[in-house]
Protein backbone atom coordinates (compact mmCIF):
# COMPACT_ATOMS: atom_id res chain seq x y z
CA MET A 1 -29.87 42.55 42.58
CA THR A 2 -31.88 39.46 41.78
CA SER A 3 -29.95 36.68 40.15
CA VAL A 4 -30.83 35.54 36.65
CA LYS A 5 -31.63 32.07 38.00
CA ILE A 6 -34.34 33.41 40.32
CA THR A 7 -35.77 35.56 37.54
CA GLU A 8 -36.01 32.53 35.27
CA PHE A 9 -37.39 30.39 38.12
CA ILE A 10 -40.37 32.68 38.75
CA LYS A 11 -41.42 32.36 35.11
CA ILE A 12 -42.22 28.67 35.63
CA ALA A 13 -42.91 28.42 39.38
CA ALA A 14 -46.29 28.47 41.10
CA CYS A 15 -47.36 28.95 44.68
CA PRO A 16 -47.55 25.56 46.44
CA ALA A 17 -50.66 26.68 48.33
CA CYS A 18 -52.88 28.07 45.55
CA ASN A 19 -51.01 27.45 42.25
CA ALA A 20 -50.97 31.15 41.31
CA GLY A 21 -47.93 32.82 39.80
CA ILE A 22 -45.19 34.39 41.89
CA THR A 23 -43.19 37.57 41.62
CA ILE A 24 -40.33 39.41 43.28
CA PRO A 25 -41.97 42.27 45.23
CA ASP A 26 -38.80 44.32 45.66
CA GLU A 27 -35.41 43.77 44.05
CA SER A 28 -33.70 44.27 47.42
CA ALA A 29 -36.03 41.94 49.37
CA PRO A 30 -34.90 38.33 49.77
CA GLU A 31 -38.36 36.92 49.16
CA LEU A 32 -40.94 35.91 46.57
CA LEU A 33 -44.60 36.92 46.66
CA CYS A 34 -47.62 34.88 45.52
CA LEU A 35 -49.88 36.85 43.20
CA GLY A 36 -52.93 34.86 44.32
CA CYS A 37 -52.96 34.33 48.07
CA GLY A 38 -50.25 36.83 49.02
CA ARG A 39 -47.98 34.35 50.77
CA ARG A 40 -44.35 35.38 50.96
CA PHE A 41 -41.54 32.87 50.57
CA PRO A 42 -37.98 33.56 51.69
CA ILE A 43 -34.92 33.20 49.48
CA LYS A 44 -32.10 31.71 51.56
CA GLU A 45 -28.59 31.57 50.15
CA GLY A 46 -30.02 32.10 46.66
CA ILE A 47 -32.56 29.27 46.98
CA PRO A 48 -36.32 29.93 47.16
CA VAL A 49 -37.94 28.13 50.11
CA MET A 50 -41.44 27.48 48.81
CA MET A 51 -43.30 25.15 51.12
CA ALA A 52 -47.00 25.80 51.74
CA ASP A 53 -46.43 25.98 55.50
CA THR A 54 -43.51 28.45 55.23
CA LYS A 55 -44.35 31.83 56.70
CA LEU A 56 -42.28 34.97 57.05
CA PRO A 57 -42.57 37.23 60.09
CA GLY A 58 -45.76 39.27 59.95
CA GLN A 59 -47.82 36.70 58.08
CA ASP A 60 -50.92 35.20 59.69
């Protein structure tokens, strides 16, 4: 289950690469998804890691 803090965070956060909004693609996935460029950002120990050069496995 996604914590309330992450849910509140995505309401105000933007992708560092394209400034689009972000979402949680799957409640069980520990990642955030950019709605603009499609970048995925990991959530590690409850903290979103949102650097423009961060890539998850499978991203080009």
